[in-house]
C-alpha atoms as a PDB file:
ATOM      1  CA  MET A   1      -6.814 -34.032  23.807  1.00  0.00           C
ATOM      2  CA  SER A   2      -6.633 -30.221  24.077  1.00  0.00           C
ATOM      3  CA  TYR A   3      -6.903 -27.824  21.135  1.00  0.00           C
ATOM      4  CA  ILE A   4      -3.186 -27.019  21.015  1.00  0.00           C
ATOM      5  CA  GLU A   5      -2.294 -30.730  21.138  1.00  0.00           C
ATOM      6  CA  ARG A   6      -4.616 -31.430  18.192  1.00  0.00           C
ATOM      7  CA  ALA A   7      -3.265 -28.390  16.317  1.00  0.00           C
ATOM      8  CA  ASN A   8       0.224 -29.896  16.712  1.00  0.00           C
ATOM      9  CA  SER A   9      -0.793 -33.503  16.089  1.00  0.00           C
ATOM     10  CA  LEU A  10       1.173 -35.981  13.974  1.00  0.00           C
ATOM     11  CA  PRO A  11      -1.418 -36.187  11.122  1.00  0.00           C
ATOM     12  CA  LEU A  12      -1.160 -32.423  10.563  1.00  0.00           C
ATOM     13  CA  TYR A  13       2.635 -32.634  10.525  1.00  0.00           C
ATOM     14  CA  LEU A  14       2.438 -35.443   7.942  1.00  0.00           C
ATOM     15  CA  VAL A  15       0.054 -33.517   5.662  1.00  0.00           C
ATOM     16  CA  VAL A  16       2.160 -30.363   5.839  1.00  0.00           C
ATOM     17  CA  GLY A  17       5.364 -32.363   5.411  1.00  0.00           C
ATOM     18  CA  ILE A  18       4.079 -33.982   2.196  1.00  0.00           C
ATOM     19  CA  ILE A  19       3.073 -30.590   0.748  1.00  0.00           C
ATOM     20  CA  LEU A  20       6.421 -28.995   1.594  1.00  0.00           C
ATOM     21  CA  LEU A  21       8.381 -31.974   0.233  1.00  0.00           C
ATOM     22  CA  PHE A  22       6.519 -31.549  -3.061  1.00  0.00           C
ATOM     23  CA  ILE A  23       7.413 -27.834  -3.125  1.00  0.00           C
ATOM     24  CA  ILE A  24      11.075 -28.630  -2.378  1.00  0.00           C
ATOM     25  CA  PHE A  25      11.033 -31.172  -5.231  1.00  0.00           C
ATOM     26  CA  ILE A  26       9.653 -28.562  -7.650  1.00  0.00           C
ATOM     27  CA  CYS A  27      12.298 -26.050  -6.532  1.00  0.00           C
ATOM     28  CA  ILE A  28      15.069 -28.583  -7.170  1.00  0.00           C
ATOM     29  CA  VAL A  29      13.642 -29.375 -10.616  1.00  0.00           C
ATOM     30  CA  PHE A  30      13.640 -25.677 -11.562  1.00  0.00           C
ATOM     31  CA  MET A  31      17.173 -25.209 -10.176  1.00  0.00           C
ATOM     32  CA  VAL A  32      18.503 -28.100 -12.271  1.00  0.00           C
ATOM     33  CA  LYS A  33      16.680 -26.921 -15.399  1.00  0.00           C
ATOM     34  CA  SER A  34      17.951 -23.350 -14.905  1.00  0.00           C
ATOM     35  CA  TYR A  35      21.530 -24.549 -14.398  1.00  0.00           C
ATOM     36  CA  ARG A  36      21.389 -26.686 -17.539  1.00  0.00           C
ATOM     37  CA  ALA A  37      19.825 -23.819 -19.502  1.00  0.00           C
ATOM     38  CA  GLY A  38      22.672 -21.540 -18.411  1.00  0.00           C
ATOM     39  CA  LYS A  39      25.276 -24.020 -19.594  1.00  0.00           C
ATOM     40  CA  LYS A  40      23.378 -24.494 -22.849  1.00  0.00           C
ATOM     41  CA  ILE A  41      23.577 -20.789 -23.721  1.00  0.00           C
ATOM     42  CA  GLY A  42      27.315 -20.738 -22.939  1.00  0.00           C
ATOM     43  CA  MET A  43      27.468 -19.266 -19.440  1.00  0.00           C
ATOM     44  CA  ASP A  44      30.696 -19.869 -17.508  1.00  0.00           C
ATOM     45  CA  GLU A  45      30.279 -22.713 -14.998  1.00  0.00           C
ATOM     46  CA  ALA A  46      32.115 -20.689 -12.331  1.00  0.00           C
ATOM     47  CA  VAL A  47      29.581 -17.897 -12.738  1.00  0.00           C
ATOM     48  CA  LEU A  48      26.714 -20.359 -12.427  1.00  0.00           C
ATOM     49  CA  LYS A  49      28.155 -21.870  -9.242  1.00  0.00           C
ATOM     50  CA  LYS A  50      28.703 -18.413  -7.767  1.00  0.00           C
ATOM     51  CA  ALA A  51      25.087 -17.513  -8.556  1.00  0.00           C
ATOM     52  CA  VAL A  52      23.912 -20.656  -6.756  1.00  0.00           C
ATOM     53  CA  THR A  53      25.976 -20.048  -3.607  1.00  0.00           C
ATOM     54  CA  SER A  54      25.208 -16.316  -3.372  1.00  0.00           C
ATOM     55  CA  SER A  55      21.490 -16.941  -3.935  1.00  0.00           C
ATOM     56  CA  ALA A  56      21.486 -19.602  -1.220  1.00  0.00           C
ATOM     57  CA  ALA A  57      23.141 -17.206   1.243  1.00  0.00           C
ATOM     58  CA  PHE A  58      20.777 -14.320   0.513  1.00  0.00           C
ATOM     59  CA  THR A  59      17.793 -16.671   0.716  1.00  0.00           C
ATOM     60  CA  PHE A  60      18.815 -18.081   4.085  1.00  0.00           C
ATOM     61  CA  LEU A  61      19.336 -14.752   5.866  1.00  0.00           C
ATOM     62  CA  PRO A  62      15.883 -13.212   5.213  1.00  0.00           C
ATOM     63  CA  SER A  63      14.273 -16.544   6.144  1.00  0.00           C
ATOM     64  CA  ILE A  64      15.095 -15.787   9.785  1.00  0.00           C
ATOM     65  CA  SER A  65      12.191 -13.322   9.841  1.00  0.00           C
ATOM     66  CA  ILE A  66       9.940 -16.053   8.407  1.00  0.00           C
ATOM     67  CA  LEU A  67      11.011 -18.393  11.210  1.00  0.00           C
ATOM     68  CA  LEU A  68      10.101 -15.708  13.724  1.00  0.00           C
ATOM     69  CA  GLY A  69       6.699 -15.475  12.054  1.00  0.00           C
ATOM     70  CA  VAL A  70       6.168 -19.227  12.447  1.00  0.00           C
ATOM     71  CA  ILE A  71       7.051 -18.940  16.135  1.00  0.00           C
ATOM     72  CA  ALA A  72       4.691 -15.967  16.573  1.00  0.00           C
ATOM     73  CA  LEU A  73       1.713 -17.746  14.973  1.00  0.00           C
ATOM     74  CA  SER A  74       2.355 -21.231  16.337  1.00  0.00           C
ATOM     75  CA  GLY A  75       1.160 -20.299  19.822  1.00  0.00           C
ATOM     76  CA  SER A  76      -2.403 -19.877  18.555  1.00  0.00           C
ATOM     77  CA  LEU A  77      -2.567 -21.839  15.273  1.00  0.00           C
ATOM     78  CA  GLY A  78      -0.080 -24.618  16.014  1.00  0.00           C
ATOM     79  CA  VAL A  79       3.244 -25.284  14.313  1.00  0.00           C
ATOM     80  CA  PRO A  80       2.027 -27.261  11.230  1.00  0.00           C
ATOM     81  CA  VAL A  81      -0.507 -24.647  10.029  1.00  0.00           C
ATOM     82  CA  SER A  82       1.879 -21.739  10.707  1.00  0.00           C
ATOM     83  CA  TRP A  83       4.728 -23.616   9.017  1.00  0.00           C
ATOM     84  CA  LEU A  84       2.594 -24.310   5.949  1.00  0.00           C
ATOM     85  CA  ARG A  85       1.202 -20.791   5.603  1.00  0.00           C
ATOM     86  CA  LEU A  86       4.606 -19.087   5.860  1.00  0.00           C
ATOM     87  CA  SER A  87       6.454 -21.620   3.689  1.00  0.00           C
ATOM     88  CA  VAL A  88       4.482 -21.237   0.458  1.00  0.00           C
ATOM     89  CA  ILE A  89       3.190 -17.786  -0.546  1.00  0.00           C
ATOM     90  CA  GLY A  90       2.169 -16.323   2.799  1.00  0.00           C
ATOM     91  CA  ASN A  91       3.819 -13.606   4.881  1.00  0.00           C
ATOM     92  CA  LEU A  92       3.503 -12.704   8.541  1.00  0.00           C
ATOM     93  CA  GLN A  93       1.696  -9.384   7.990  1.00  0.00           C
ATOM     94  CA  TYR A  94      -1.021 -10.991   5.883  1.00  0.00           C
ATOM     95  CA  GLU A  95      -1.353 -14.226   7.825  1.00  0.00           C
ATOM     96  CA  ALA A  96      -1.551 -12.633  11.272  1.00  0.00           C
ATOM     97  CA  THR A  97      -4.023  -9.979  10.116  1.00  0.00           C
ATOM     98  CA  VAL A  98      -6.360 -12.355   8.302  1.00  0.00           C
ATOM     99  CA  ALA A  99      -6.220 -14.934  11.094  1.00  0.00           C
ATOM    100  CA  GLU A 100      -7.167 -12.260  13.625  1.00  0.00           C
ATOM    101  CA  MET A 101      -9.985 -10.948  11.399  1.00  0.00           C
ATOM    102  CA  ALA A 102     -11.370 -14.453  10.892  1.00  0.00           C
ATOM    103  CA  ALA A 103     -11.215 -15.163  14.629  1.00  0.00           C
ATOM    104  CA  GLU A 104     -12.943 -11.883  15.524  1.00  0.00           C
ATOM    105  CA  ASN A 105     -15.767 -12.575  13.074  1.00  0.00           C
ATOM    106  CA  MET A 106     -16.307 -15.910  14.825  1.00  0.00           C
ATOM    107  CA  GLY A 107     -16.481 -14.114  18.157  1.00  0.00           C
ATOM    108  CA  VAL A 108     -13.163 -15.445  19.505  1.00  0.00           C
ATOM    109  CA  SER A 109      -9.597 -14.232  19.775  1.00  0.00           C
ATOM    110  CA  LEU A 110      -6.308 -15.759  18.625  1.00  0.00           C
ATOM    111  CA  ASP A 111      -5.880 -17.440  21.977  1.00  0.00           C
ATOM    112  CA  SER A 112      -5.289 -21.185  22.140  1.00  0.00           C
ATOM    113  CA  SER A 113      -7.326 -21.367  25.361  1.00  0.00           C
ATOM    114  CA  VAL A 114     -10.560 -20.382  23.553  1.00  0.00           C
ATOM    115  CA  LEU A 115      -9.993 -21.650  19.991  1.00  0.00           C
ATOM    116  CA  THR A 116     -11.429 -24.933  18.720  1.00  0.00           C
ATOM    117  CA  MET A 117     -10.518 -27.105  15.735  1.00  0.00           C
ATOM    118  CA  ASP A 118     -13.590 -25.730  13.916  1.00  0.00           C
ATOM    119  CA  ASN A 119     -12.141 -22.244  14.426  1.00  0.00           C
ATOM    120  CA  LEU A 120      -8.746 -23.408  13.136  1.00  0.00           C
ATOM    121  CA  VAL A 121     -10.255 -24.927   9.972  1.00  0.00           C
ATOM    122  CA  THR A 122     -12.229 -21.740   9.290  1.00  0.00           C
ATOM    123  CA  ILE A 123      -9.209 -19.516   9.890  1.00  0.00           C
ATOM    124  CA  LEU A 124      -7.038 -21.649   7.592  1.00  0.00           C
ATOM    125  CA  ALA A 125      -9.744 -21.627   4.878  1.00  0.00           C
ATOM    126  CA  VAL A 126     -10.033 -17.820   5.032  1.00  0.00           C
ATOM    127  CA  MET A 127      -6.249 -17.368   4.961  1.00  0.00           C
ATOM    128  CA  THR A 128      -5.891 -19.729   1.994  1.00  0.00           C
ATOM    129  CA  PHE A 129      -8.843 -18.424  -0.019  1.00  0.00           C
ATOM    130  CA  GLY A 130      -7.680 -14.843   0.430  1.00  0.00           C
ATOM    131  CA  ILE A 131      -4.141 -15.349  -0.864  1.00  0.00           C
ATOM    132  CA  ILE A 132      -4.441 -17.877  -3.708  1.00  0.00           C
ATOM    133  CA  TRP A 133      -5.553 -15.335  -6.307  1.00  0.00           C
ATOM    134  CA  GLY A 134      -2.072 -14.005  -7.031  1.00  0.00           C
ATOM    135  CA  GLY A 135      -0.934 -17.484  -8.025  1.00  0.00           C
ATOM    136  CA  VAL A 136      -4.126 -18.337  -9.897  1.00  0.00           C
ATOM    137  CA  LEU A 137      -4.246 -15.078 -11.864  1.00  0.00           C
ATOM    138  CA  SER A 138      -0.537 -15.372 -12.710  1.00  0.00           C
ATOM    139  CA  ILE A 139      -1.312 -18.525 -14.695  1.00  0.00           C
ATOM    140  CA  PHE A 140      -3.571 -16.535 -17.026  1.00  0.00           C
ATOM    141  CA  THR A 141      -2.126 -13.003 -16.962  1.00  0.00           C
ATOM    142  CA  LEU A 142       1.610 -13.122 -16.139  1.00  0.00           C
ATOM    143  CA  LYS A 143       2.823 -13.893 -19.682  1.00  0.00           C
ATOM    144  CA  LYS A 144       0.902 -10.973 -21.176  1.00  0.00           C
ATOM    145  CA  TYR A 145       1.949  -8.668 -18.328  1.00  0.00           C
ATOM    146  CA  SER A 146       5.626  -9.625 -18.751  1.00  0.00           C
ATOM    147  CA  SER A 147       5.495  -8.909 -22.489  1.00  0.00           C
ATOM    148  CA  LYS A 148       4.076  -5.443 -21.782  1.00  0.00           C
ATOM    149  CA  LEU A 149       6.855  -4.753 -19.265  1.00  0.00           C
ATOM    150  CA  LYS A 150       9.444  -5.679 -21.901  1.00  0.00           C
ATOM    151  CA  LEU A 151       7.837  -3.257 -24.375  1.00  0.00           C
ATOM    152  CA  VAL A 152       7.816  -0.473 -21.793  1.00  0.00           C
ATOM    153  CA  LYS A 153      11.465  -1.138 -20.952  1.00  0.00           C
ATOM    154  CA  LYS A 154      12.494  -1.058 -24.609  1.00  0.00           C
ATOM    155  CA  SER A 155      10.615   2.178 -25.250  1.00  0.00           C
ATOM    156  CA  GLY A 156      12.162   3.828 -22.189  1.00  0.00           C
ATOM    157  CA  SER A 157       8.771   4.922 -20.918  1.00  0.00           C
ATOM    158  CA  SER A 158       8.441   6.247 -17.368  1.00  0.00           C
ATOM    159  CA  SER A 159       5.617   3.745 -16.862  1.00  0.00           C
ATOM    160  CA  ALA A 160       8.295   1.177 -16.059  1.00  0.00           C
ATOM    161  CA  GLY A 161       8.286   2.486 -12.502  1.00  0.00           C
ATOM    162  CA  PHE A 162       4.605   1.727 -11.973  1.00  0.00           C
ATOM    163  CA  ALA A 163       5.274  -1.625 -10.267  1.00  0.00           C
ATOM    164  CA  SER A 164       7.593  -0.113  -7.649  1.00  0.00           C
ATOM    165  CA  ILE A 165       5.180   2.792  -7.055  1.00  0.00           C
ATOM    166  CA  ALA A 166       2.254   0.383  -6.651  1.00  0.00           C
ATOM    167  CA  MET A 167       4.207  -1.772  -4.190  1.00  0.00           C
ATOM    168  CA  SER A 168       5.260   1.294  -2.175  1.00  0.00           C
ATOM    169  CA  ALA A 169       1.677   2.556  -2.090  1.00  0.00           C
ATOM    170  CA  MET A 170       0.416  -0.844  -0.963  1.00  0.00           C
ATOM    171  CA  MET A 171       2.994  -1.039   1.848  1.00  0.00           C
ATOM    172  CA  ILE A 172       2.184   2.510   2.989  1.00  0.00           C
ATOM    173  CA  GLY A 173      -1.511   1.622   3.088  1.00  0.00           C
ATOM    174  CA  LEU A 174      -0.818  -1.601   4.980  1.00  0.00           C
ATOM    175  CA  CYS A 175       1.411   0.106   7.550  1.00  0.00           C
ATOM    176  CA  SER A 176      -1.085   2.960   7.948  1.00  0.00           C
ATOM    177  CA  THR A 177      -3.850   0.452   8.693  1.00  0.00           C
ATOM    178  CA  PHE A 178      -1.792  -1.281  11.377  1.00  0.00           C
ATOM    179  CA  ILE A 179      -0.397   1.878  12.952  1.00  0.00           C
ATOM    180  CA  GLY A 180      -3.816   3.542  12.867  1.00  0.00           C
ATOM    181  CA  SER A 181      -5.333   0.601  14.709  1.00  0.00           C
ATOM    182  CA  TYR A 182      -2.554   0.578  17.304  1.00  0.00           C
ATOM    183  CA  MET A 183      -2.789   4.365  17.795  1.00  0.00           C
ATOM    184  CA  SER A 184      -6.539   4.095  18.190  1.00  0.00           C
ATOM    185  CA  GLN A 185      -6.091   1.542  20.985  1.00  0.00           C
ATOM    186  CA  ALA A 186      -3.498   3.747  22.686  1.00  0.00           C
ATOM    187  CA  ILE A 187      -5.630   6.906  22.397  1.00  0.00           C
ATOM    188  CA  ARG A 188      -8.649   5.100  23.831  1.00  0.00           C
ATOM    189  CA  MET A 189      -6.303   3.787  26.551  1.00  0.00           C
ATOM    190  CA  THR A 190      -7.381   0.187  25.945  1.00  0.00           C
ATOM    191  CA  ALA A 191      -3.944  -1.151  24.939  1.00  0.00           C
ATOM    192  CA  PHE A 192      -0.526   0.484  24.695  1.00  0.00           C
ATOM    193  CA  ILE A 193       1.740  -2.473  23.981  1.00  0.00           C
ATOM    194  CA  PRO A 194       0.843  -2.935  20.249  1.00  0.00           C
ATOM    195  CA  PHE A 195       1.671   0.705  19.441  1.00  0.00           C
ATOM    196  CA  LEU A 196       4.849   0.750  21.537  1.00  0.00           C
ATOM    197  CA  THR A 197       5.966  -2.564  20.031  1.00  0.00           C
ATOM    198  CA  ALA A 198       5.499  -1.183  16.515  1.00  0.00           C
ATOM    199  CA  LEU A 199       7.371   1.982  17.560  1.00  0.00           C
ATOM    200  CA  VAL A 200      10.348   0.007  18.910  1.00  0.00           C
ATOM    201  CA  SER A 201      10.518  -2.113  15.718  1.00  0.00           C
ATOM    202  CA  ALA A 202      10.267   0.989  13.507  1.00  0.00           C
ATOM    203  CA  LEU A 203      13.037   2.799  15.390  1.00  0.00           C
ATOM    204  CA  VAL A 204      15.347  -0.222  15.226  1.00  0.00           C
ATOM    205  CA  MET A 205      14.601  -0.657  11.500  1.00  0.00           C
ATOM    206  CA  ALA A 206      15.339   3.044  10.875  1.00  0.00           C
ATOM    207  CA  VAL A 207      18.666   2.834  12.714  1.00  0.00           C
ATOM    208  CA  LEU A 208      19.680  -0.337  10.872  1.00  0.00           C
ATOM    209  CA  ASP A 209      18.700   1.195   7.530  1.00  0.00           C
ATOM    210  CA  TRP A 210      20.821   4.266   8.298  1.00  0.00           C
ATOM    211  CA  VAL A 211      23.805   2.114   9.277  1.00  0.00           C
ATOM    212  CA  CYS A 212      23.441  -0.004   6.112  1.00  0.00           C
ATOM    213  CA  ARG A 213      23.343   3.044   3.839  1.00  0.00           C
ATOM    214  CA  LYS A 214      26.116   4.949   5.614  1.00  0.00           C
ATOM    215  CA  TYR A 215      28.575   2.075   5.880  1.00  0.00           C
ATOM    216  CA  LYS A 216      27.333   0.098   2.841  1.00  0.00           C
ATOM    217  CA  LEU A 217      26.731  -3.067   4.884  1.00  0.00           C
ATOM    218  CA  GLN A 218      24.733  -5.250   2.494  1.00  0.00           C
ATOM    219  CA  VAL A 219      24.981  -8.277   4.804  1.00  0.00           C
ATOM    220  CA  LEU A 220      23.389  -6.354   7.688  1.00  0.00           C
ATOM    221  CA  ASP A 221      20.596  -5.266   5.344  1.00  0.00           C
ATOM    222  CA  SER A 222      19.547  -8.911   5.026  1.00  0.00           C
ATOM    223  CA  PHE A 223      19.220  -9.150   8.817  1.00  0.00           C
ATOM    224  CA  SER A 224      17.400  -5.834   9.311  1.00  0.00           C
ATOM    225  CA  LEU A 225      13.848  -7.155   9.241  1.00  0.00           C
ATOM    226  CA  ALA A 226      14.632 -10.077  11.546  1.00  0.00           C
ATOM    227  CA  LEU A 227      16.496  -7.851  14.015  1.00  0.00           C
ATOM    228  CA  ALA A 228      13.681  -5.279  14.033  1.00  0.00           C
ATOM    229  CA  MET A 229      11.131  -8.028  14.705  1.00  0.00           C
ATOM    230  CA  LEU A 230      13.266  -9.466  17.496  1.00  0.00           C
ATOM    231  CA  ALA A 231      13.643  -6.016  19.048  1.00  0.00           C
ATOM    232  CA  GLY A 232       9.885  -5.467  18.915  1.00  0.00           C
ATOM    233  CA  MET A 233       9.188  -8.881  20.454  1.00  0.00           C
ATOM    234  CA  ALA A 234      11.766  -8.325  23.192  1.00  0.00           C
ATOM    235  CA  GLY A 235      10.311  -4.893  23.914  1.00  0.00           C
ATOM    236  CA  SER A 236       6.812  -6.382  24.101  1.00  0.00           C
ATOM    237  CA  VAL A 237       7.985  -9.029  26.578  1.00  0.00           C
ATOM    238  CA  PHE A 238       9.632  -6.454  28.828  1.00  0.00           C
ATOM    239  CA  MET A 239       6.561  -4.212  28.686  1.00  0.00           C
ATOM    240  CA  ASN A 240       4.368  -7.154  29.660  1.00  0.00           C
ATOM    241  CA  MET A 241       6.726  -8.007  32.503  1.00  0.00           C
ATOM    242  CA  GLY A 242       6.552  -4.395  33.614  1.00  0.00           C
ATOM    243  CA  GLY A 243       2.780  -4.636  33.901  1.00  0.00           C
ATOM    244  CA  LEU A 244       1.974  -2.320  30.981  1.00  0.00           C
ATOM    245  CA  VAL A 245      -1.423  -3.007  29.410  1.00  0.00           C
END
């Protein structure tokens, strides 16, 4: 049995399926409890139902980009592992980066023709160990942090914007790391496709963002990330077909 066949084997699907069924069960429990809590405090049932339907719609649309991430990773890590990583607390930027870093440190690339099951287990362990700390630390720190946010909000302090500033700074740092790496490859003339792919996605995202703001298209805003990813992938395919390195 080849590596990719073992990475997509039935036992892995069963393990992942059990984990995801448990998560779905927990989500349903919280939905029911939240609905009952809303009725208990006197919220209108029509408002509650509208909140459920609108939340479902705005959850489904952004999930298209997650599906694209599963497809992108499944070629090297198999469907079950990619499905699991992007269905819990993972995201494509983190998962792809960490998987590539783990593979490089083992002296291989994210290519199913050279990977082994030992490589897959190591990559999955690194990806999991690196991302669990947000969930673990939330158990011990989130309640205290939330109470401080409430105090800041009540006092009207400008510190309330710290979270958004921190997130923006983190995203700028993350994008700079990726773009810097891609530019370095292009400048050294070792690979042009990663930089050009990122450029195509960025241009499409900028155009979609402009259209959303100008014409106030909130529905299109939910599709922006998925469309930008699709445009980048399509551009990468055409560049590969054109023989560009």
